[in-house]
Protein backbone atom coordinates (compact mmCIF):
# COMPACT_ATOMS: atom_id res chain seq x y z
CA MET A 1 18.46 8.54 -7.22
CA ILE A 2 17.49 5.19 -5.13
CA THR A 3 14.02 4.86 -5.35
CA LEU A 4 11.13 2.95 -3.49
CA PRO A 5 11.29 -1.07 -4.16
CA LYS A 6 8.90 -2.38 -6.23
CA GLY A 7 5.51 -3.57 -3.90
CA THR A 8 6.14 -1.32 -1.17
CA LYS A 9 4.68 2.08 -0.22
CA ASP A 10 5.61 5.19 1.32
CA VAL A 11 3.15 6.70 4.18
CA LEU A 12 3.68 10.46 3.91
CA PRO A 13 3.31 13.04 6.99
CA GLU A 14 0.22 14.09 5.40
CA GLU A 15 -1.03 10.59 5.49
CA SER A 16 -0.14 9.02 8.86
CA PHE A 17 -3.08 10.53 10.52
CA LYS A 18 -4.98 7.85 8.55
CA TRP A 19 -3.12 4.85 10.10
CA HIS A 20 -3.32 6.52 13.43
CA TYR A 21 -7.14 6.67 13.28
CA LEU A 22 -7.44 3.10 12.06
CA GLU A 23 -4.76 1.88 14.71
CA ASN A 24 -6.57 3.78 17.74
CA LYS A 25 -9.90 2.29 16.76
CA ILE A 26 -8.07 -1.41 16.66
CA ARG A 27 -6.58 -0.39 20.06
CA GLY A 28 -10.38 0.63 21.65
CA VAL A 29 -12.24 -1.98 19.81
CA CYS A 30 -9.73 -4.63 21.26
CA ASP A 31 -9.73 -3.11 24.63
CA ARG A 32 -13.49 -3.48 25.17
CA PHE A 33 -13.44 -7.10 23.90
CA GLY A 34 -10.44 -7.86 26.61
CA VAL A 35 -7.88 -8.58 23.76
CA LYS A 36 -4.71 -7.81 24.55
CA GLU A 37 -1.49 -7.10 22.19
CA ILE A 38 1.01 -9.27 21.32
CA ARG A 39 4.15 -8.53 19.05
CA THR A 40 6.45 -11.10 17.24
CA PRO A 41 9.63 -10.45 15.62
CA THR A 42 9.69 -9.72 11.78
CA PHE A 43 11.42 -12.83 10.97
CA GLU A 44 11.27 -16.60 12.22
CA HIS A 45 12.63 -19.85 11.24
CA THR A 46 11.82 -20.53 7.80
CA GLU A 47 10.53 -24.42 9.31
CA LEU A 48 7.80 -22.27 11.25
CA PHE A 49 5.99 -21.66 7.94
CA LEU A 50 6.89 -24.68 6.55
CA ARG A 51 5.05 -26.49 8.97
CA GLY A 52 2.37 -23.94 9.77
CA VAL A 53 1.46 -22.61 6.67
CA GLY A 54 1.85 -25.57 4.22
CA GLU A 55 4.45 -26.69 1.76
CA THR A 56 1.81 -26.63 -0.77
CA THR A 57 0.50 -23.18 -0.49
CA ASP A 58 1.54 -20.50 -2.56
CA ILE A 59 2.47 -18.35 0.30
CA VAL A 60 5.38 -21.10 0.58
CA ASN A 61 6.29 -22.13 -2.74
CA LYS A 62 6.35 -18.68 -4.42
CA GLU A 63 6.25 -15.66 -2.15
CA MET A 64 8.14 -15.89 0.65
CA TYR A 65 11.21 -13.99 1.62
CA THR A 66 13.87 -16.38 2.58
CA PHE A 67 17.69 -16.23 3.56
CA ASP A 68 20.33 -17.75 5.11
CA ASP A 69 21.58 -15.62 8.39
CA LYS A 70 25.40 -15.58 8.77
CA GLY A 71 25.36 -18.83 11.22
CA GLY A 72 23.80 -20.68 7.66
CA ARG A 73 20.30 -20.56 9.58
CA SER A 74 17.32 -20.24 7.16
CA MET A 75 15.02 -17.42 8.23
CA THR A 76 11.92 -15.74 6.45
CA LEU A 77 10.30 -12.37 7.10
CA LYS A 78 6.87 -13.30 8.01
CA PRO A 79 4.41 -13.61 5.22
CA GLU A 80 1.29 -13.62 7.71
CA GLY A 81 0.91 -13.06 11.78
CA THR A 82 -0.61 -16.29 12.83
CA ALA A 83 2.17 -18.84 12.73
CA GLY A 84 4.57 -16.38 14.87
CA VAL A 85 1.47 -15.99 17.33
CA ALA A 86 0.98 -19.73 17.49
CA ARG A 87 5.10 -20.18 18.00
CA CYS A 88 5.11 -17.53 20.73
CA PHE A 89 1.78 -19.00 22.45
CA ALA A 90 3.61 -22.50 22.78
CA GLU A 91 7.05 -21.64 23.47
CA ASN A 92 6.14 -19.01 26.34
CA GLY A 93 3.77 -21.64 27.94
CA LEU A 94 0.62 -19.12 27.51
CA ASP A 95 -1.50 -22.44 27.71
CA ASN A 96 -0.95 -22.48 31.63
CA ALA A 97 -2.68 -18.74 31.99
CA PRO A 98 -6.48 -18.66 32.29
CA GLN A 99 -8.11 -19.16 29.27
CA PRO A 100 -9.32 -18.55 26.59
CA THR A 101 -6.35 -16.16 25.57
CA LYS A 102 -7.31 -13.44 23.45
CA MET A 103 -4.67 -11.41 21.65
CA TYR A 104 -4.06 -8.89 19.04
CA TYR A 105 -1.12 -7.73 16.44
CA LEU A 106 -0.51 -5.00 14.23
CA THR A 107 2.47 -6.17 12.05
CA SER A 108 4.36 -5.67 8.71
CA VAL A 109 3.99 -8.76 6.60
CA PHE A 110 5.98 -9.63 3.26
CA ARG A 111 5.03 -11.70 0.09
CA TYR A 112 6.73 -11.96 -2.88
CA GLU A 113 3.77 -11.40 -5.33
CA LYS A 114 2.80 -9.70 -8.23
CA PRO A 115 1.93 -5.82 -6.97
CA GLN A 116 -1.61 -4.97 -7.50
CA SER A 117 -4.43 -2.81 -6.13
CA GLY A 118 -4.56 -3.35 -2.47
CA ARG A 119 -1.91 -5.64 -2.24
CA LEU A 120 2.02 -5.01 -2.13
CA ARG A 121 4.98 -6.91 -1.42
CA GLU A 122 5.10 -5.31 2.14
CA HIS A 123 1.74 -4.77 3.99
CA HIS A 124 0.33 -4.13 7.33
CA GLN A 125 -2.17 -6.74 9.20
CA PHE A 126 -4.38 -6.33 11.93
CA GLY A 127 -4.99 -9.81 13.74
CA VAL A 128 -7.16 -11.44 16.39
CA GLU A 129 -6.17 -14.34 17.69
CA LEU A 130 -8.32 -16.58 20.28
CA TYR A 131 -6.51 -19.63 21.86
CA GLY A 132 -8.03 -22.24 24.41
CA SER A 133 -11.54 -22.57 23.31
CA ALA A 134 -13.22 -25.01 20.82
CA SER A 135 -16.46 -23.65 21.21
CA PRO A 136 -18.60 -22.16 18.20
CA TYR A 137 -19.12 -19.17 20.26
CA ALA A 138 -15.26 -18.62 20.59
CA ASP A 139 -15.67 -18.19 16.73
CA ALA A 140 -18.69 -15.73 17.10
CA GLU A 141 -16.68 -13.70 19.35
CA VAL A 142 -14.00 -13.48 16.83
CA ILE A 143 -16.08 -12.57 13.79
CA SER A 144 -18.06 -10.25 16.28
CA ILE A 145 -14.92 -8.23 16.86
CA ALA A 146 -14.01 -8.02 13.12
CA ARG A 147 -17.48 -6.72 12.49
CA ARG A 148 -17.45 -3.97 15.39
CA PHE A 149 -14.28 -2.70 14.09
CA LEU A 150 -15.26 -2.46 10.90
CA ASN A 151 -18.68 -1.03 11.65
CA GLU A 152 -16.88 1.84 13.84
CA VAL A 153 -14.95 2.67 11.07
CA GLY A 154 -17.88 3.17 8.58
CA VAL A 155 -17.50 0.30 6.48
CA ASP A 156 -20.67 -1.24 6.60
CA LYS A 157 -21.47 -2.46 2.88
CA LEU A 158 -19.79 -5.84 3.61
CA THR A 159 -20.97 -9.30 3.22
CA LEU A 160 -19.87 -12.08 5.59
CA HIS A 161 -19.14 -15.39 3.79
CA LEU A 162 -19.05 -18.44 6.07
CA ASN A 163 -17.97 -22.25 5.56
CA SER A 164 -16.57 -25.07 7.12
CA ILE A 165 -13.84 -27.21 5.98
CA GLY A 166 -14.22 -29.83 8.39
CA CYS A 167 -12.35 -31.65 11.02
CA SER A 168 -9.45 -34.09 10.06
CA GLU A 169 -11.86 -36.84 9.77
CA CYS A 170 -14.37 -35.76 7.75
CA ARG A 171 -11.53 -33.83 5.26
CA LYS A 172 -10.56 -37.56 4.68
CA GLU A 173 -13.64 -38.40 2.80
CA TYR A 174 -13.79 -35.12 1.07
CA SER A 175 -9.96 -35.19 -0.43
CA LYS A 176 -10.91 -38.66 -1.63
CA ALA A 177 -14.11 -37.06 -3.66
CA LEU A 178 -11.84 -34.05 -4.63
CA VAL A 179 -9.00 -36.33 -6.03
CA ALA A 180 -11.94 -38.64 -7.76
CA TYR A 181 -13.22 -35.47 -9.44
CA PHE A 182 -10.06 -33.42 -10.55
CA ARG A 183 -8.37 -36.19 -11.66
CA SER A 184 -10.68 -36.99 -14.86
CA PHE A 185 -9.54 -33.04 -15.78
CA GLU A 186 -5.85 -33.80 -14.72
CA ASP A 187 -4.37 -33.06 -18.24
CA GLN A 188 -6.35 -29.58 -18.28
CA LEU A 189 -5.00 -28.47 -14.75
CA CYS A 190 -1.81 -26.32 -14.31
CA PRO A 191 1.45 -27.82 -13.33
CA THR A 192 1.16 -26.38 -9.72
CA CYS A 193 -2.67 -27.90 -9.32
CA GLN A 194 -1.21 -31.32 -10.86
CA GLU A 195 0.97 -31.55 -8.03
CA ARG A 196 -1.54 -30.52 -5.51
CA LEU A 197 -3.86 -33.29 -6.88
CA ASN A 198 -1.45 -35.87 -5.37
CA LYS A 199 -0.04 -33.67 -2.04
CA ASN A 200 -3.07 -31.20 -0.99
CA PRO A 201 -6.04 -31.39 -2.81
CA LEU A 202 -8.32 -28.80 -0.89
CA ARG A 203 -5.42 -26.56 -2.25
CA LEU A 204 -7.03 -27.20 -5.86
CA LEU A 205 -10.07 -25.27 -4.73
CA ASP A 206 -7.92 -21.72 -4.22
CA CYS A 207 -6.27 -21.95 -7.67
CA LYS A 208 -6.38 -18.29 -9.43
CA VAL A 209 -5.68 -19.55 -12.96
CA GLU A 210 -8.71 -19.14 -14.94
CA GLU A 211 -9.19 -23.15 -16.36
CA CYS A 212 -8.49 -24.42 -12.90
CA LYS A 213 -11.20 -21.79 -11.30
CA ARG A 214 -13.72 -22.99 -13.85
CA ILE A 215 -12.83 -26.71 -13.62
CA ALA A 216 -13.35 -26.28 -9.54
CA GLU A 217 -16.96 -24.54 -10.17
CA LYS A 218 -18.35 -27.98 -10.32
CA ALA A 219 -16.25 -29.74 -7.79
CA PRO A 220 -18.03 -31.60 -4.65
CA VAL A 221 -18.58 -28.97 -2.02
CA VAL A 222 -17.45 -30.07 1.74
CA SER A 223 -20.73 -29.36 3.16
CA ASP A 224 -21.66 -32.73 1.68
CA TYR A 225 -19.02 -34.37 3.80
CA LEU A 226 -19.15 -32.74 7.05
CA CYS A 227 -19.54 -35.13 9.95
CA ASP A 228 -22.26 -34.66 12.57
CA ASN A 229 -19.89 -32.66 14.99
CA CYS A 230 -18.76 -30.30 12.29
CA LYS A 231 -22.06 -29.83 11.25
CA GLU A 232 -23.55 -29.32 14.88
CA HIS A 233 -20.53 -26.55 15.26
CA GLN A 234 -21.34 -24.49 12.41
CA LYS A 235 -25.10 -24.63 13.39
CA LYS A 236 -24.33 -23.28 16.82
CA LEU A 237 -22.29 -20.71 15.24
CA CYS A 238 -24.71 -19.58 12.90
CA GLY A 239 -27.30 -19.29 15.77
CA ALA A 240 -24.88 -17.24 17.52
CA LEU A 241 -24.41 -15.21 14.72
CA ASP A 242 -28.13 -14.52 14.43
CA ALA A 243 -28.07 -13.51 18.04
CA LEU A 244 -25.90 -11.12 17.40
CA GLY A 245 -27.60 -9.59 14.31
CA ILE A 246 -24.61 -10.48 11.79
CA GLU A 247 -25.81 -11.40 8.50
CA TYR A 248 -24.01 -14.14 6.49
CA VAL A 249 -24.13 -15.87 3.43
CA LEU A 250 -22.98 -19.89 3.62
CA ASP A 251 -20.57 -20.34 0.72
CA PRO A 252 -19.28 -23.54 0.46
CA LYS A 253 -16.51 -22.34 -2.02
CA ILE A 254 -14.27 -20.62 0.51
CA VAL A 255 -11.50 -22.92 1.71
CA ARG A 256 -8.64 -19.80 2.53
CA GLY A 257 -5.57 -19.98 1.32
CA LEU A 258 -3.27 -21.59 4.26
CA ASP A 259 -3.29 -25.31 5.14
CA TYR A 260 -3.63 -24.74 9.22
CA TYR A 261 -7.34 -24.02 8.54
CA THR A 262 -9.94 -26.50 10.12
CA GLY A 263 -13.37 -26.26 10.49
CA THR A 264 -14.90 -22.58 10.31
CA VAL A 265 -13.61 -20.37 7.72
CA PHE A 266 -14.84 -17.09 6.69
CA GLU A 267 -14.10 -13.87 4.69
CA PHE A 268 -15.71 -10.16 5.09
CA VAL A 269 -16.05 -9.29 1.33
CA SER A 270 -16.13 -5.81 -0.34
CA ASP A 271 -16.95 -4.57 -4.27
CA ALA A 272 -15.52 -1.23 -3.06
CA ILE A 273 -12.12 -1.83 -4.76
CA GLY A 274 -13.38 -2.78 -8.33
CA ALA A 275 -13.66 -6.33 -8.50
CA GLN A 276 -15.02 -8.18 -4.98
CA GLY A 277 -12.23 -8.48 -2.62
CA THR A 278 -11.58 -9.76 0.55
CA VAL A 279 -11.15 -7.35 3.46
CA CYS A 280 -10.75 -9.54 6.46
CA GLY A 281 -10.53 -13.55 6.22
CA GLY A 282 -9.98 -16.12 9.16
CA GLY A 283 -11.28 -19.00 10.52
CA ARG A 284 -10.19 -21.90 13.02
CA TYR A 285 -6.82 -23.53 13.32
CA ASN A 286 -7.31 -26.15 16.05
CA ASN A 287 -3.78 -28.15 15.02
CA LEU A 288 -1.67 -25.31 14.41
CA CYS A 289 0.11 -25.20 17.97
CA GLU A 290 0.56 -29.12 17.83
CA GLU A 291 1.85 -29.07 14.00
CA ILE A 292 4.96 -26.41 15.28
CA GLY A 293 5.65 -28.80 18.05
CA GLY A 294 3.43 -27.44 21.09
CA LYS A 295 0.60 -28.84 22.91
CA SER A 296 -2.98 -29.05 21.21
CA VAL A 297 -4.96 -26.13 21.90
CA PRO A 298 -8.07 -24.92 20.03
CA ALA A 299 -7.52 -21.66 18.07
CA VAL A 300 -9.44 -19.19 15.96
CA GLY A 301 -8.86 -15.69 14.68
CA PHE A 302 -8.72 -13.36 11.62
CA GLY A 303 -6.66 -11.22 9.69
CA MET A 304 -7.12 -8.08 7.94
CA GLY A 305 -4.74 -6.02 5.28
CA LEU A 306 -4.67 -1.99 6.66
CA GLU A 307 -3.46 -1.22 3.16
CA ARG A 308 -6.70 -2.46 1.57
CA LEU A 309 -9.10 -1.33 4.46
CA ILE A 310 -7.91 2.04 3.49
CA MET A 311 -8.52 1.77 -0.17
CA VAL A 312 -12.29 0.34 0.80
CA MET A 313 -12.93 3.61 2.90
CA ASP A 314 -11.28 6.11 0.77
CA ASN A 315 -13.44 4.27 -2.40
CA CYS A 316 -16.36 4.96 -0.13
CA GLY A 317 -15.92 8.59 0.85
CA ILE A 318 -15.99 7.41 4.56
CA SER A 319 -13.99 10.03 6.57
CA PHE A 320 -10.70 9.40 8.72
CA GLY A 321 -11.57 12.55 10.74
CA GLU A 322 -9.44 15.25 10.59
CA ALA A 323 -5.79 15.65 10.53
CA PRO A 324 -4.30 16.97 13.82
CA ARG A 325 -4.72 20.73 14.06
CA ARG A 326 -1.75 22.96 14.62
CA ASP A 327 -2.34 25.26 17.25
CA VAL A 328 -0.05 28.42 17.59
CA TYR A 329 2.79 29.83 15.73
CA ILE A 330 5.11 32.23 17.39
CA ALA A 331 7.04 34.46 15.05
CA PRO A 332 10.03 36.18 16.36
CA LEU A 333 10.95 39.55 14.58
CA GLY A 334 14.74 39.45 15.78
CA ALA A 335 17.63 37.66 17.09
CA GLU A 336 16.98 38.74 20.50
CA GLN A 337 13.54 37.59 20.43
CA TYR A 338 13.91 33.96 19.54
CA PRO A 339 15.31 32.81 23.09
CA ILE A 340 11.85 34.28 24.41
CA ALA A 341 9.70 32.63 21.81
CA LEU A 342 11.75 29.40 22.53
CA LYS A 343 10.66 29.28 26.21
CA ALA A 344 7.21 30.17 24.99
CA ILE A 345 6.54 27.30 22.76
CA ASP A 346 8.18 25.33 25.68
CA GLU A 347 5.48 26.44 28.18
CA LEU A 348 2.61 25.72 25.88
CA ARG A 349 3.97 22.29 24.71
CA LYS A 350 3.83 21.45 28.50
CA LYS A 351 0.36 22.25 28.88
CA GLY A 352 -0.69 20.08 25.85
CA ILE A 353 -0.74 22.63 23.19
CA ARG A 354 0.67 22.33 19.77
CA ALA A 355 3.01 25.17 19.63
CA ASP A 356 5.93 26.25 17.04
CA THR A 357 8.43 29.05 16.19
CA ASP A 358 10.77 29.64 13.55
CA ILE A 359 14.25 27.64 13.60
CA SER A 360 15.22 28.66 10.18
CA GLU A 361 15.81 32.36 11.10
CA ARG A 362 13.35 33.63 7.90
CA SER A 363 12.07 37.15 7.69
CA LEU A 364 8.80 37.83 9.07
CA LYS A 365 6.89 37.25 5.69
CA ALA A 366 8.27 34.36 5.12
CA GLN A 367 7.43 32.88 8.38
CA MET A 368 3.65 34.23 8.07
CA LYS A 369 3.26 32.50 4.74
CA TYR A 370 4.79 29.35 6.16
CA ALA A 371 2.28 29.52 9.26
CA ASP A 372 -0.47 29.88 7.02
CA LYS A 373 0.24 27.48 4.70
CA CYS A 374 0.86 24.94 7.67
CA GLY A 375 -2.70 25.84 8.88
CA TYR A 376 -1.79 27.05 12.16
CA ARG A 377 -4.95 28.32 13.97
CA PHE A 378 -3.24 31.10 15.92
CA VAL A 379 -0.04 33.22 15.02
CA VAL A 380 1.47 35.54 17.49
CA VAL A 381 4.02 37.88 16.03
CA LEU A 382 7.14 38.66 18.96
CA GLY A 383 9.01 41.92 18.62
CA GLU A 384 11.00 44.34 20.60
CA GLU A 385 7.88 46.53 21.62
CA GLU A 386 5.60 43.14 22.63
CA VAL A 387 8.88 41.95 24.57
CA ARG A 388 9.11 45.47 26.30
CA LYS A 389 5.63 45.65 27.29
CA GLY A 390 5.08 42.00 27.89
CA ILE A 391 1.66 42.18 25.89
CA VAL A 392 1.23 40.18 22.07
CA VAL A 393 -1.26 40.25 19.71
CA VAL A 394 -2.80 36.87 18.80
CA LYS A 395 -4.28 36.68 15.54
CA ASN A 396 -6.77 33.97 14.83
CA MET A 397 -5.82 32.60 11.22
CA ARG A 398 -9.22 31.94 10.23
CA THR A 399 -11.59 34.53 11.52
CA LYS A 400 -8.90 37.30 11.36
CA GLU A 401 -9.89 38.50 14.79
CA GLN A 402 -6.82 39.86 16.96
CA LYS A 403 -6.59 39.86 20.76
CA GLU A 404 -4.15 41.04 22.89
CA CYS A 405 -2.79 39.08 26.01
CA SER A 406 0.34 38.79 28.13
CA LEU A 407 3.08 35.97 27.21
CA ASP A 408 1.83 34.00 30.61
CA ASP A 409 -1.65 34.23 29.62
CA LEU A 410 -1.35 33.03 25.91
CA SER A 411 -2.60 29.52 26.69
CA THR A 412 -5.81 30.92 28.04
CA ILE A 413 -6.86 32.07 24.50
CA ILE A 414 -5.46 29.22 22.53
CA ILE A 415 -7.50 26.49 24.31
């Protein structure tokens, strides 16, 4: 038998209501914040991620699903959502619209990594992207959207970790300090970090190898190297978060795993999935559009893995609401009653009622067993006598109460 590919997961019909619940919440929150949906292709030219995400990142070096198409062009299944949105923004001239532009996406992303709890090779992301404002209040707006959504789905045991990794100017001095510090430990670093030392020293702080993590604990912190503008930006952002009542922890160790970040970076962290894990992460990427060939446009946003969020909610016992109820099942007793049953459920469905009938030509006993297992609220038995009289008995499957009515009036009892 052909089985599920490693690192992927089926969403069964019994579970899909959880996804619908989250997606409806996402759309509701985004609508209130004036955020419109954007949809980009599942695959892009590989160059987009090389230039946007960064050639020294783990995502580009180790995790991308890359292939040549039949025209010999290198394509990549998108490993994250932001680069594709930046390409779309630049290519379609969205900078000509009134700014800021606020967008959200719900998309599949693909990363070839070791599957583990809350991390799959194909997973689904909710992301928000805000373009056209360099103000710290735009940062606060994006963080507020994430916080509002998480509050509304009941995830309130989270800590917001906040940092600034500086602009290109203060990053130069910070990079020099990192190189000077890590150079004395070069022989102890993993091969990847030895390469990063010369190409992208900021990535040294993001290594998952235990020895590298231990060395990085005492590395210089970026907050000591921020320029006045970056310090002022962070100060205003903190003031905005205070005004919104959003608590935060200043965490100088956060750098995020993508090269396009500049300035503000943040993570919402939960301990509800075993070890402390990031539920949502984001920040500023003011240079991304320009890096991929567009105009210079300031931007800020976040991404949130839905599989991980569902795991947090399940572990915390948070309700997704009830699965959609099934309203009425009409059980025909013989071949002559099937056309009448089909017409009756069609009329009920036109009125917005979830109605079904037998489509397998089973016995009444089998139909009743099926209706009970599927949780229908009402069952109507339709036999020759009922058709002749034009009257049916409606049985409430929960209370066992029975009522008589005409087929034409059936909807009044069901509703």
